[in-house]
Amino acid sequence: MYLRTFKAIKAPLKKVAYIIFMLLLISVISFAAIHAAPNSFFASGELNPNITPEAIEQLKAIYGLDKPLFIQYLSWLKAILSLDFGISFASGKEVSGEILDRLPITLLINIVSLIFVFFISIALGVKSALKKDKKTDVAIKQLSLVSYAMPSFYLSLLLMLFFAVKLGWFPIGGVNSAYLTEDSSKLLDTAWHLVLPLTVVIFGGIGSMTLYVRGLTIAILKSDYFFFAKARGIKGKNLLRYIILPNLMPPLVTMLGLSLPGLIGGSVILESIFSINGMGLLFYQSALARDYPVIMGILIISSFLTLLGNMLADIYLGVINPHFKHAKG
């Protein structure tokens, strides 16, 4: 009985231990890298230029920056165990509060774009594979290559210039209108503001994913079990539903888990260009100001969300593919 219980909780415990270990490793590397960078918040021009060196030393003592780096890290680690990420140097506010204020919009953009990228890539990739070497296949491959090669900041500027400045169809930035009243629909207004940012993220993400789906589908079409299914009389949509899509899901879920860091990291450029007050813009502003507590808070939360996403992907793979679960455990 105890052996069965241990085996049942062994896999979840290993995943939790892995997340904790990776977060510790990421925190050590990030903490060392941030403090090794030249200058600091107190020397980057953020303070009053007339402030005296003595006053700067007093401020460093208040924030604990006068202590050895190892002691600073241990103090920071002890604080975050109680979810205390410290006080922002720039704003004087609690880091956890600032991040929680900006996290929802960043998660919204990433989750919505991920859903669209997933379904659009499957549709285009499968269509391209089924029409291999025909005009449809060539067109989809060309579109995917353009998507893969297009810099997100360049596409953002093109869309802003044409649809926001020239045509005036969409706002040039932000997530809400300044004239928004209580009677206005905030949800529709936010959706209107996010059309261009989401278009950039979705278009930039479908390129590599579509080519990946196309390659997987071509391999499935050449497989023995596909020919066996056709020989049994399975045709048309049933082949797609019962043979192609089930065999596409495991590698696609894995690919989505691996793509999470890129989506979160891409928020820095996107939110800076479109003036979206999310985690990406906060990270960019904090990096310029050398605001250590905010930078570390964002890195740890982003890393946790990425590791959590990968763990959920593994769990889902174990559900849809028992062989994967046995191979992992």
C-alpha atoms as a PDB file:
ATOM      1  CA  MET A   1       0.000   0.000   0.000  1.00  0.00           C
ATOM      2  CA  TYR A   2       2.752   2.430   0.999  1.00  0.00           C
ATOM      3  CA  LEU A   3       4.726   1.464  -2.098  1.00  0.00           C
ATOM      4  CA  ARG A   4       1.738   2.233  -4.356  1.00  0.00           C
ATOM      5  CA  THR A   5       1.233   5.585  -2.612  1.00  0.00           C
ATOM      6  CA  PHE A   6       4.900   6.454  -3.031  1.00  0.00           C
ATOM      7  CA  LYS A   7       4.828   5.572  -6.723  1.00  0.00           C
ATOM      8  CA  ALA A   8       1.691   7.674  -7.219  1.00  0.00           C
ATOM      9  CA  ILE A   9       3.258  10.795  -5.718  1.00  0.00           C
ATOM     10  CA  LYS A  10       6.791  10.186  -7.035  1.00  0.00           C
ATOM     11  CA  ALA A  11       6.271  11.770 -10.452  1.00  0.00           C
ATOM     12  CA  PRO A  12       4.550  14.967  -9.168  1.00  0.00           C
ATOM     13  CA  LEU A  13       7.235  15.352  -6.490  1.00  0.00           C
ATOM     14  CA  LYS A  14       9.960  15.048  -9.123  1.00  0.00           C
ATOM     15  CA  LYS A  15       8.305  17.757 -11.228  1.00  0.00           C
ATOM     16  CA  VAL A  16       7.977  20.100  -8.232  1.00  0.00           C
ATOM     17  CA  ALA A  17      11.590  19.445  -7.220  1.00  0.00           C
ATOM     18  CA  TYR A  18      12.697  20.159 -10.786  1.00  0.00           C
ATOM     19  CA  ILE A  19      10.842  23.496 -10.816  1.00  0.00           C
ATOM     20  CA  ILE A  20      12.369  24.498  -7.462  1.00  0.00           C
ATOM     21  CA  PHE A  21      15.874  23.539  -8.598  1.00  0.00           C
ATOM     22  CA  MET A  22      15.540  25.426 -11.895  1.00  0.00           C
ATOM     23  CA  LEU A  23      14.175  28.521 -10.168  1.00  0.00           C
ATOM     24  CA  LEU A  24      17.139  28.499  -7.764  1.00  0.00           C
ATOM     25  CA  LEU A  25      19.586  28.074 -10.623  1.00  0.00           C
ATOM     26  CA  ILE A  26      17.940  30.849 -12.655  1.00  0.00           C
ATOM     27  CA  SER A  27      17.883  33.160  -9.630  1.00  0.00           C
ATOM     28  CA  VAL A  28      21.597  32.646  -8.911  1.00  0.00           C
ATOM     29  CA  ILE A  29      22.646  33.268 -12.525  1.00  0.00           C
ATOM     30  CA  SER A  30      20.296  36.248 -12.951  1.00  0.00           C
ATOM     31  CA  PHE A  31      21.296  37.827  -9.633  1.00  0.00           C
ATOM     32  CA  ALA A  32      24.999  37.544 -10.443  1.00  0.00           C
ATOM     33  CA  ALA A  33      24.559  38.809 -14.020  1.00  0.00           C
ATOM     34  CA  ILE A  34      22.463  41.831 -13.005  1.00  0.00           C
ATOM     35  CA  HIS A  35      24.895  42.948 -10.312  1.00  0.00           C
ATOM     36  CA  ALA A  36      27.881  42.354 -12.604  1.00  0.00           C
ATOM     37  CA  ALA A  37      26.499  44.862 -15.122  1.00  0.00           C
ATOM     38  CA  PRO A  38      28.204  48.292 -15.107  1.00  0.00           C
ATOM     39  CA  ASN A  39      26.670  51.178 -13.153  1.00  0.00           C
ATOM     40  CA  SER A  40      23.736  50.877 -10.770  1.00  0.00           C
ATOM     41  CA  PHE A  41      20.471  52.637 -10.067  1.00  0.00           C
ATOM     42  CA  PHE A  42      22.245  55.147  -7.870  1.00  0.00           C
ATOM     43  CA  ALA A  43      24.756  55.979 -10.607  1.00  0.00           C
ATOM     44  CA  SER A  44      22.528  55.871 -13.665  1.00  0.00           C
ATOM     45  CA  GLY A  45      21.189  59.416 -13.443  1.00  0.00           C
ATOM     46  CA  GLU A  46      17.859  58.433 -11.896  1.00  0.00           C
ATOM     47  CA  LEU A  47      18.589  60.349  -8.693  1.00  0.00           C
ATOM     48  CA  ASN A  48      19.010  64.074  -8.116  1.00  0.00           C
ATOM     49  CA  PRO A  49      22.354  65.040  -9.741  1.00  0.00           C
ATOM     50  CA  ASN A  50      23.062  67.288  -6.751  1.00  0.00           C
ATOM     51  CA  ILE A  51      22.897  64.431  -4.267  1.00  0.00           C
ATOM     52  CA  THR A  52      26.070  63.926  -2.250  1.00  0.00           C
ATOM     53  CA  PRO A  53      28.161  60.714  -2.269  1.00  0.00           C
ATOM     54  CA  GLU A  54      27.440  60.350   1.452  1.00  0.00           C
ATOM     55  CA  ALA A  55      23.697  60.344   0.806  1.00  0.00           C
ATOM     56  CA  ILE A  56      24.139  57.712  -1.914  1.00  0.00           C
ATOM     57  CA  GLU A  57      26.080  55.510   0.502  1.00  0.00           C
ATOM     58  CA  GLN A  58      23.276  55.874   3.043  1.00  0.00           C
ATOM     59  CA  LEU A  59      20.716  54.807   0.452  1.00  0.00           C
ATOM     60  CA  LYS A  60      22.823  51.782  -0.478  1.00  0.00           C
ATOM     61  CA  ALA A  61      22.959  50.831   3.192  1.00  0.00           C
ATOM     62  CA  ILE A  62      19.163  51.153   3.474  1.00  0.00           C
ATOM     63  CA  TYR A  63      18.630  48.810   0.510  1.00  0.00           C
ATOM     64  CA  GLY A  64      21.416  46.448   1.618  1.00  0.00           C
ATOM     65  CA  LEU A  65      23.583  47.110  -1.434  1.00  0.00           C
ATOM     66  CA  ASP A  66      26.628  47.793   0.718  1.00  0.00           C
ATOM     67  CA  LYS A  67      26.825  44.139   1.783  1.00  0.00           C
ATOM     68  CA  PRO A  68      28.697  41.343  -0.042  1.00  0.00           C
ATOM     69  CA  LEU A  69      26.856  39.949  -3.051  1.00  0.00           C
ATOM     70  CA  PHE A  70      26.400  36.541  -1.417  1.00  0.00           C
ATOM     71  CA  ILE A  71      24.737  38.105   1.629  1.00  0.00           C
ATOM     72  CA  GLN A  72      22.508  40.232  -0.642  1.00  0.00           C
ATOM     73  CA  TYR A  73      21.373  37.090  -2.486  1.00  0.00           C
ATOM     74  CA  LEU A  74      20.589  35.180   0.698  1.00  0.00           C
ATOM     75  CA  SER A  75      18.583  38.128   2.042  1.00  0.00           C
ATOM     76  CA  TRP A  76      16.671  38.380  -1.226  1.00  0.00           C
ATOM     77  CA  LEU A  77      16.046  34.602  -1.306  1.00  0.00           C
ATOM     78  CA  LYS A  78      14.758  34.645   2.260  1.00  0.00           C
ATOM     79  CA  ALA A  79      12.380  37.491   1.382  1.00  0.00           C
ATOM     80  CA  ILE A  80      10.871  35.874  -1.735  1.00  0.00           C
ATOM     81  CA  LEU A  81      10.072  32.700   0.211  1.00  0.00           C
ATOM     82  CA  SER A  82       7.356  34.846   1.804  1.00  0.00           C
ATOM     83  CA  LEU A  83       6.511  36.329  -1.642  1.00  0.00           C
ATOM     84  CA  ASP A  84       8.202  39.614  -0.719  1.00  0.00           C
ATOM     85  CA  PHE A  85      10.061  40.822  -3.813  1.00  0.00           C
ATOM     86  CA  GLY A  86      11.186  44.012  -2.140  1.00  0.00           C
ATOM     87  CA  ILE A  87      10.675  47.686  -2.920  1.00  0.00           C
ATOM     88  CA  SER A  88      11.252  49.232  -6.346  1.00  0.00           C
ATOM     89  CA  PHE A  89      14.149  51.687  -6.405  1.00  0.00           C
ATOM     90  CA  ALA A  90      12.432  53.822  -9.050  1.00  0.00           C
ATOM     91  CA  SER A  91       8.852  54.060  -7.791  1.00  0.00           C
ATOM     92  CA  GLY A  92       9.197  53.189  -4.111  1.00  0.00           C
ATOM     93  CA  LYS A  93       6.277  50.752  -4.469  1.00  0.00           C
ATOM     94  CA  GLU A  94       6.188  47.056  -3.652  1.00  0.00           C
ATOM     95  CA  VAL A  95       7.540  45.005  -6.558  1.00  0.00           C
ATOM     96  CA  SER A  96       4.858  42.305  -6.170  1.00  0.00           C
ATOM     97  CA  GLY A  97       2.123  44.945  -6.484  1.00  0.00           C
ATOM     98  CA  GLU A  98       3.657  46.495  -9.600  1.00  0.00           C
ATOM     99  CA  ILE A  99       4.041  43.114 -11.263  1.00  0.00           C
ATOM    100  CA  LEU A 100       0.504  41.983 -10.385  1.00  0.00           C
ATOM    101  CA  ASP A 101      -0.876  45.216 -11.838  1.00  0.00           C
ATOM    102  CA  ARG A 102       0.850  44.572 -15.180  1.00  0.00           C
ATOM    103  CA  LEU A 103       0.780  40.782 -15.378  1.00  0.00           C
ATOM    104  CA  PRO A 104      -2.858  40.341 -16.585  1.00  0.00           C
ATOM    105  CA  ILE A 105      -2.468  42.237 -19.870  1.00  0.00           C
ATOM    106  CA  THR A 106       0.770  40.405 -20.704  1.00  0.00           C
ATOM    107  CA  LEU A 107      -0.814  37.023 -19.966  1.00  0.00           C
ATOM    108  CA  LEU A 108      -3.887  37.974 -22.011  1.00  0.00           C
ATOM    109  CA  ILE A 109      -1.806  38.845 -25.071  1.00  0.00           C
ATOM    110  CA  ASN A 110       0.349  35.725 -24.786  1.00  0.00           C
ATOM    111  CA  ILE A 111      -2.487  33.275 -24.125  1.00  0.00           C
ATOM    112  CA  VAL A 112      -4.763  34.623 -26.879  1.00  0.00           C
ATOM    113  CA  SER A 113      -1.908  34.713 -29.402  1.00  0.00           C
ATOM    114  CA  LEU A 114      -0.820  31.193 -28.435  1.00  0.00           C
ATOM    115  CA  ILE A 115      -4.333  29.846 -29.050  1.00  0.00           C
ATOM    116  CA  PHE A 116      -4.554  31.515 -32.466  1.00  0.00           C
ATOM    117  CA  VAL A 117      -1.036  30.399 -33.444  1.00  0.00           C
ATOM    118  CA  PHE A 118      -1.876  26.827 -32.446  1.00  0.00           C
ATOM    119  CA  PHE A 119      -5.041  26.480 -34.535  1.00  0.00           C
ATOM    120  CA  ILE A 120      -3.893  28.563 -37.526  1.00  0.00           C
ATOM    121  CA  SER A 121      -0.603  26.649 -37.742  1.00  0.00           C
ATOM    122  CA  ILE A 122      -2.383  23.290 -37.636  1.00  0.00           C
ATOM    123  CA  ALA A 123      -4.806  24.347 -40.369  1.00  0.00           C
ATOM    124  CA  LEU A 124      -2.092  25.761 -42.640  1.00  0.00           C
ATOM    125  CA  GLY A 125       0.466  23.026 -41.936  1.00  0.00           C
ATOM    126  CA  VAL A 126      -1.900  20.139 -42.569  1.00  0.00           C
ATOM    127  CA  LYS A 127      -3.313  21.814 -45.690  1.00  0.00           C
ATOM    128  CA  SER A 128       0.204  22.377 -47.011  1.00  0.00           C
ATOM    129  CA  ALA A 129       1.189  18.749 -46.421  1.00  0.00           C
ATOM    130  CA  LEU A 130      -1.970  17.383 -48.054  1.00  0.00           C
ATOM    131  CA  LYS A 131      -1.316  19.613 -51.110  1.00  0.00           C
ATOM    132  CA  LYS A 132       2.433  18.906 -51.202  1.00  0.00           C
ATOM    133  CA  ASP A 133       4.288  20.498 -54.152  1.00  0.00           C
ATOM    134  CA  LYS A 134       1.106  22.156 -55.448  1.00  0.00           C
ATOM    135  CA  LYS A 135       0.358  25.886 -55.597  1.00  0.00           C
ATOM    136  CA  THR A 136      -1.338  25.858 -52.207  1.00  0.00           C
ATOM    137  CA  ASP A 137       1.722  24.252 -50.618  1.00  0.00           C
ATOM    138  CA  VAL A 138       4.088  26.754 -52.236  1.00  0.00           C
ATOM    139  CA  ALA A 139       1.957  29.719 -51.129  1.00  0.00           C
ATOM    140  CA  ILE A 140       1.748  28.496 -47.518  1.00  0.00           C
ATOM    141  CA  LYS A 141       5.508  27.839 -47.402  1.00  0.00           C
ATOM    142  CA  GLN A 142       6.247  31.319 -48.735  1.00  0.00           C
ATOM    143  CA  LEU A 143       3.910  32.872 -46.165  1.00  0.00           C
ATOM    144  CA  SER A 144       5.568  30.855 -43.403  1.00  0.00           C
ATOM    145  CA  LEU A 145       9.049  31.926 -44.472  1.00  0.00           C
ATOM    146  CA  VAL A 146       7.992  35.588 -44.540  1.00  0.00           C
ATOM    147  CA  SER A 147       6.496  35.192 -41.076  1.00  0.00           C
ATOM    148  CA  TYR A 148       9.648  33.487 -39.781  1.00  0.00           C
ATOM    149  CA  ALA A 149      11.977  36.141 -41.214  1.00  0.00           C
ATOM    150  CA  MET A 150       9.905  39.245 -40.439  1.00  0.00           C
ATOM    151  CA  PRO A 151      11.258  41.214 -37.432  1.00  0.00           C
ATOM    152  CA  SER A 152       8.430  41.938 -35.000  1.00  0.00           C
ATOM    153  CA  PHE A 153       9.434  45.565 -34.465  1.00  0.00           C
ATOM    154  CA  TYR A 154       9.443  46.212 -38.236  1.00  0.00           C
ATOM    155  CA  LEU A 155       6.022  44.628 -38.730  1.00  0.00           C
ATOM    156  CA  SER A 156       4.717  46.626 -35.755  1.00  0.00           C
ATOM    157  CA  LEU A 157       5.864  49.891 -37.289  1.00  0.00           C
ATOM    158  CA  LEU A 158       4.370  48.979 -40.689  1.00  0.00           C
ATOM    159  CA  LEU A 159       0.972  48.138 -39.185  1.00  0.00           C
ATOM    160  CA  MET A 160       0.976  51.257 -37.020  1.00  0.00           C
ATOM    161  CA  LEU A 161       1.900  53.481 -39.964  1.00  0.00           C
ATOM    162  CA  PHE A 162      -0.739  52.043 -42.307  1.00  0.00           C
ATOM    163  CA  PHE A 163      -3.704  51.052 -40.122  1.00  0.00           C
ATOM    164  CA  ALA A 164      -3.313  53.533 -37.248  1.00  0.00           C
ATOM    165  CA  VAL A 165      -1.726  56.646 -38.767  1.00  0.00           C
ATOM    166  CA  LYS A 166      -2.863  56.569 -42.408  1.00  0.00           C
ATOM    167  CA  LEU A 167      -6.257  54.859 -42.207  1.00  0.00           C
ATOM    168  CA  GLY A 168      -7.037  55.584 -38.559  1.00  0.00           C
ATOM    169  CA  TRP A 169      -8.780  52.258 -38.078  1.00  0.00           C
ATOM    170  CA  PHE A 170      -6.991  51.321 -34.866  1.00  0.00           C
ATOM    171  CA  PRO A 171      -5.302  53.165 -31.983  1.00  0.00           C
ATOM    172  CA  ILE A 172      -1.577  53.726 -32.224  1.00  0.00           C
ATOM    173  CA  GLY A 173      -0.922  52.358 -28.736  1.00  0.00           C
ATOM    174  CA  GLY A 174      -2.170  51.702 -25.221  1.00  0.00           C
ATOM    175  CA  VAL A 175      -4.943  49.352 -24.113  1.00  0.00           C
ATOM    176  CA  ASN A 176      -7.778  51.779 -23.338  1.00  0.00           C
ATOM    177  CA  SER A 177      -9.108  55.020 -24.775  1.00  0.00           C
ATOM    178  CA  ALA A 178      -8.568  58.215 -22.803  1.00  0.00           C
ATOM    179  CA  TYR A 179     -12.179  59.277 -23.404  1.00  0.00           C
ATOM    180  CA  LEU A 180     -13.639  55.969 -22.215  1.00  0.00           C
ATOM    181  CA  THR A 181     -16.749  56.498 -20.097  1.00  0.00           C
ATOM    182  CA  GLU A 182     -18.483  54.192 -17.653  1.00  0.00           C
ATOM    183  CA  ASP A 183     -21.133  53.382 -20.253  1.00  0.00           C
ATOM    184  CA  SER A 184     -18.560  52.327 -22.811  1.00  0.00           C
ATOM    185  CA  SER A 185     -17.642  48.691 -23.205  1.00  0.00           C
ATOM    186  CA  LYS A 186     -14.179  48.325 -21.731  1.00  0.00           C
ATOM    187  CA  LEU A 187     -13.849  44.808 -23.114  1.00  0.00           C
ATOM    188  CA  LEU A 188     -14.548  45.884 -26.700  1.00  0.00           C
ATOM    189  CA  ASP A 189     -12.308  48.932 -26.292  1.00  0.00           C
ATOM    190  CA  THR A 190      -9.432  46.767 -25.047  1.00  0.00           C
ATOM    191  CA  ALA A 191      -9.976  44.302 -27.896  1.00  0.00           C
ATOM    192  CA  TRP A 192      -9.899  47.220 -30.377  1.00  0.00           C
ATOM    193  CA  HIS A 193      -6.577  48.405 -28.946  1.00  0.00           C
ATOM    194  CA  LEU A 194      -5.054  44.918 -29.010  1.00  0.00           C
ATOM    195  CA  VAL A 195      -5.854  44.073 -32.650  1.00  0.00           C
ATOM    196  CA  LEU A 196      -2.512  45.332 -33.993  1.00  0.00           C
ATOM    197  CA  PRO A 197      -0.318  43.898 -31.178  1.00  0.00           C
ATOM    198  CA  LEU A 198      -2.017  40.516 -31.438  1.00  0.00           C
ATOM    199  CA  THR A 199      -1.646  40.541 -35.221  1.00  0.00           C
ATOM    200  CA  VAL A 200       2.094  41.066 -34.832  1.00  0.00           C
ATOM    201  CA  VAL A 201       2.483  38.254 -32.290  1.00  0.00           C
ATOM    202  CA  ILE A 202       0.275  35.811 -34.205  1.00  0.00           C
ATOM    203  CA  PHE A 203       1.877  36.484 -37.583  1.00  0.00           C
ATOM    204  CA  GLY A 204       5.336  36.173 -36.082  1.00  0.00           C
ATOM    205  CA  GLY A 205       4.480  32.860 -34.430  1.00  0.00           C
ATOM    206  CA  ILE A 206       2.731  30.953 -37.225  1.00  0.00           C
ATOM    207  CA  GLY A 207       5.782  30.733 -39.507  1.00  0.00           C
ATOM    208  CA  SER A 208       7.951  28.218 -37.687  1.00  0.00           C
ATOM    209  CA  MET A 209       4.957  26.371 -36.231  1.00  0.00           C
ATOM    210  CA  THR A 210       3.326  25.920 -39.666  1.00  0.00           C
ATOM    211  CA  LEU A 211       6.525  24.511 -41.174  1.00  0.00           C
ATOM    212  CA  TYR A 212       6.857  22.202 -38.163  1.00  0.00           C
ATOM    213  CA  VAL A 213       3.269  20.946 -38.548  1.00  0.00           C
ATOM    214  CA  ARG A 214       3.821  20.474 -42.282  1.00  0.00           C
ATOM    215  CA  GLY A 215       6.901  18.328 -41.688  1.00  0.00           C
ATOM    216  CA  LEU A 216       5.146  16.219 -39.047  1.00  0.00           C
ATOM    217  CA  THR A 217       2.099  15.712 -41.270  1.00  0.00           C
ATOM    218  CA  ILE A 218       4.230  14.641 -44.235  1.00  0.00           C
ATOM    219  CA  ALA A 219       5.932  12.059 -41.997  1.00  0.00           C
ATOM    220  CA  ILE A 220       2.521  10.785 -40.869  1.00  0.00           C
ATOM    221  CA  LEU A 221       1.299  10.530 -44.477  1.00  0.00           C
ATOM    222  CA  LYS A 222       4.311   8.323 -45.270  1.00  0.00           C
ATOM    223  CA  SER A 223       3.890   6.093 -42.215  1.00  0.00           C
ATOM    224  CA  ASP A 224       2.787   2.456 -42.245  1.00  0.00           C
ATOM    225  CA  TYR A 225      -0.167   3.042 -39.931  1.00  0.00           C
ATOM    226  CA  PHE A 226      -1.523   5.713 -42.290  1.00  0.00           C
ATOM    227  CA  PHE A 227      -1.435   3.313 -45.270  1.00  0.00           C
ATOM    228  CA  PHE A 228      -2.968   0.600 -43.073  1.00  0.00           C
ATOM    229  CA  ALA A 229      -5.795   2.975 -42.120  1.00  0.00           C
ATOM    230  CA  LYS A 230      -6.449   3.778 -45.788  1.00  0.00           C
ATOM    231  CA  ALA A 231      -6.414   0.089 -46.609  1.00  0.00           C
ATOM    232  CA  ARG A 232      -9.129  -0.458 -44.000  1.00  0.00           C
ATOM    233  CA  GLY A 233     -11.327   2.010 -45.861  1.00  0.00           C
ATOM    234  CA  ILE A 234     -10.875   5.094 -43.669  1.00  0.00           C
ATOM    235  CA  LYS A 235     -11.122   8.132 -45.929  1.00  0.00           C
ATOM    236  CA  GLY A 236     -11.377  11.910 -46.028  1.00  0.00           C
ATOM    237  CA  LYS A 237     -12.132  13.722 -42.786  1.00  0.00           C
ATOM    238  CA  ASN A 238     -11.959  10.504 -40.782  1.00  0.00           C
ATOM    239  CA  LEU A 239      -8.269  10.150 -41.699  1.00  0.00           C
ATOM    240  CA  LEU A 240      -7.688  13.683 -40.469  1.00  0.00           C
ATOM    241  CA  ARG A 241      -9.716  13.198 -37.295  1.00  0.00           C
ATOM    242  CA  TYR A 242      -8.574   9.745 -36.207  1.00  0.00           C
ATOM    243  CA  ILE A 243      -5.076   9.392 -37.700  1.00  0.00           C
ATOM    244  CA  ILE A 244      -3.397  12.716 -38.508  1.00  0.00           C
ATOM    245  CA  LEU A 245      -4.530  14.994 -35.647  1.00  0.00           C
ATOM    246  CA  PRO A 246      -4.040  12.473 -32.770  1.00  0.00           C
ATOM    247  CA  ASN A 247      -0.479  11.826 -33.960  1.00  0.00           C
ATOM    248  CA  LEU A 248       0.210  15.550 -34.316  1.00  0.00           C
ATOM    249  CA  MET A 249      -0.823  16.475 -30.769  1.00  0.00           C
ATOM    250  CA  PRO A 250       2.093  15.106 -28.676  1.00  0.00           C
ATOM    251  CA  PRO A 251       4.926  16.859 -30.558  1.00  0.00           C
ATOM    252  CA  LEU A 252       2.827  20.031 -30.949  1.00  0.00           C
ATOM    253  CA  VAL A 253       2.108  20.248 -27.220  1.00  0.00           C
ATOM    254  CA  THR A 254       5.828  19.837 -26.556  1.00  0.00           C
ATOM    255  CA  MET A 255       6.597  22.549 -29.106  1.00  0.00           C
ATOM    256  CA  LEU A 256       4.120  24.920 -27.479  1.00  0.00           C
ATOM    257  CA  GLY A 257       5.713  24.354 -24.085  1.00  0.00           C
ATOM    258  CA  LEU A 258       9.134  25.193 -25.508  1.00  0.00           C
ATOM    259  CA  SER A 259       7.783  28.316 -27.233  1.00  0.00           C
ATOM    260  CA  LEU A 260       6.550  29.938 -23.999  1.00  0.00           C
ATOM    261  CA  PRO A 261       9.856  31.654 -23.152  1.00  0.00           C
ATOM    262  CA  GLY A 262       9.948  33.263 -26.599  1.00  0.00           C
ATOM    263  CA  LEU A 263       6.419  34.622 -26.234  1.00  0.00           C
ATOM    264  CA  ILE A 264       7.111  36.139 -22.832  1.00  0.00           C
ATOM    265  CA  GLY A 265      10.461  37.521 -23.952  1.00  0.00           C
ATOM    266  CA  GLY A 266       8.894  39.017 -27.071  1.00  0.00           C
ATOM    267  CA  SER A 267       6.555  41.071 -24.888  1.00  0.00           C
ATOM    268  CA  VAL A 268       9.436  43.430 -24.096  1.00  0.00           C
ATOM    269  CA  ILE A 269       9.671  44.694 -27.687  1.00  0.00           C
ATOM    270  CA  LEU A 270       5.947  44.554 -28.418  1.00  0.00           C
ATOM    271  CA  GLU A 271       4.816  46.400 -25.294  1.00  0.00           C
ATOM    272  CA  SER A 272       7.521  49.025 -25.701  1.00  0.00           C
ATOM    273  CA  ILE A 273       6.447  49.805 -29.272  1.00  0.00           C
ATOM    274  CA  PHE A 274       2.697  49.815 -28.592  1.00  0.00           C
ATOM    275  CA  SER A 275       2.990  51.490 -25.152  1.00  0.00           C
ATOM    276  CA  ILE A 276       1.234  48.591 -23.445  1.00  0.00           C
ATOM    277  CA  ASN A 277       1.649  48.871 -19.697  1.00  0.00           C
ATOM    278  CA  GLY A 278       2.537  45.225 -19.157  1.00  0.00           C
ATOM    279  CA  MET A 279       5.390  43.183 -17.749  1.00  0.00           C
ATOM    280  CA  GLY A 280       7.478  43.584 -20.887  1.00  0.00           C
ATOM    281  CA  LEU A 281       7.456  47.384 -20.723  1.00  0.00           C
ATOM    282  CA  LEU A 282       8.071  47.279 -16.964  1.00  0.00           C
ATOM    283  CA  PHE A 283      11.069  44.998 -17.513  1.00  0.00           C
ATOM    284  CA  TYR A 284      12.483  47.314 -20.187  1.00  0.00           C
ATOM    285  CA  GLN A 285      12.105  50.405 -17.999  1.00  0.00           C
ATOM    286  CA  SER A 286      13.574  48.616 -14.984  1.00  0.00           C
ATOM    287  CA  ALA A 287      16.553  47.356 -16.980  1.00  0.00           C
ATOM    288  CA  LEU A 288      17.355  50.892 -18.137  1.00  0.00           C
ATOM    289  CA  ALA A 289      17.141  52.159 -14.557  1.00  0.00           C
ATOM    290  CA  ARG A 290      19.039  49.185 -13.045  1.00  0.00           C
ATOM    291  CA  ASP A 291      16.063  48.607 -10.746  1.00  0.00           C
ATOM    292  CA  TYR A 292      17.321  45.282  -9.348  1.00  0.00           C
ATOM    293  CA  PRO A 293      14.269  44.227  -7.280  1.00  0.00           C
ATOM    294  CA  VAL A 294      11.851  44.676 -10.193  1.00  0.00           C
ATOM    295  CA  ILE A 295      14.165  42.936 -12.677  1.00  0.00           C
ATOM    296  CA  MET A 296      14.614  39.930 -10.389  1.00  0.00           C
ATOM    297  CA  GLY A 297      10.898  39.784  -9.606  1.00  0.00           C
ATOM    298  CA  ILE A 298       9.951  39.715 -13.294  1.00  0.00           C
ATOM    299  CA  LEU A 299      12.619  37.130 -14.133  1.00  0.00           C
ATOM    300  CA  ILE A 300      11.503  34.788 -11.359  1.00  0.00           C
ATOM    301  CA  ILE A 301       7.781  35.097 -12.144  1.00  0.00           C
ATOM    302  CA  SER A 302       8.387  34.660 -15.899  1.00  0.00           C
ATOM    303  CA  SER A 303      10.591  31.637 -15.234  1.00  0.00           C
ATOM    304  CA  PHE A 304       7.979  30.123 -12.929  1.00  0.00           C
ATOM    305  CA  LEU A 305       5.216  30.583 -15.516  1.00  0.00           C
ATOM    306  CA  THR A 306       7.425  29.029 -18.205  1.00  0.00           C
ATOM    307  CA  LEU A 307       8.324  26.022 -16.038  1.00  0.00           C
ATOM    308  CA  LEU A 308       4.686  25.646 -14.993  1.00  0.00           C
ATOM    309  CA  GLY A 309       3.613  25.694 -18.642  1.00  0.00           C
ATOM    310  CA  ASN A 310       6.135  22.981 -19.490  1.00  0.00           C
ATOM    311  CA  MET A 311       4.943  20.871 -16.555  1.00  0.00           C
ATOM    312  CA  LEU A 312       1.309  21.206 -17.649  1.00  0.00           C
ATOM    313  CA  ALA A 313       2.357  20.214 -21.167  1.00  0.00           C
ATOM    314  CA  ASP A 314       4.019  17.078 -19.757  1.00  0.00           C
ATOM    315  CA  ILE A 315       0.896  16.246 -17.755  1.00  0.00           C
ATOM    316  CA  TYR A 316      -1.300  16.679 -20.841  1.00  0.00           C
ATOM    317  CA  LEU A 317       1.041  14.464 -22.858  1.00  0.00           C
ATOM    318  CA  GLY A 318       0.764  11.812 -20.171  1.00  0.00           C
ATOM    319  CA  VAL A 319      -3.015  11.953 -20.468  1.00  0.00           C
ATOM    320  CA  ILE A 320      -3.245  11.707 -24.265  1.00  0.00           C
ATOM    321  CA  ASN A 321      -0.250   9.411 -24.645  1.00  0.00           C
ATOM    322  CA  PRO A 322       0.317   6.893 -21.793  1.00  0.00           C
ATOM    323  CA  HIS A 323       3.577   5.725 -23.421  1.00  0.00           C
ATOM    324  CA  PHE A 324       5.014   9.216 -22.873  1.00  0.00           C
ATOM    325  CA  LYS A 325       4.130   9.057 -19.191  1.00  0.00           C
ATOM    326  CA  HIS A 326       5.879   5.699 -18.756  1.00  0.00           C
ATOM    327  CA  ALA A 327       8.912   6.945 -20.677  1.00  0.00           C
ATOM    328  CA  LYS A 328       9.207  10.007 -18.407  1.00  0.00           C
ATOM    329  CA  GLY A 329       8.642   8.126 -15.186  1.00  0.00           C
END
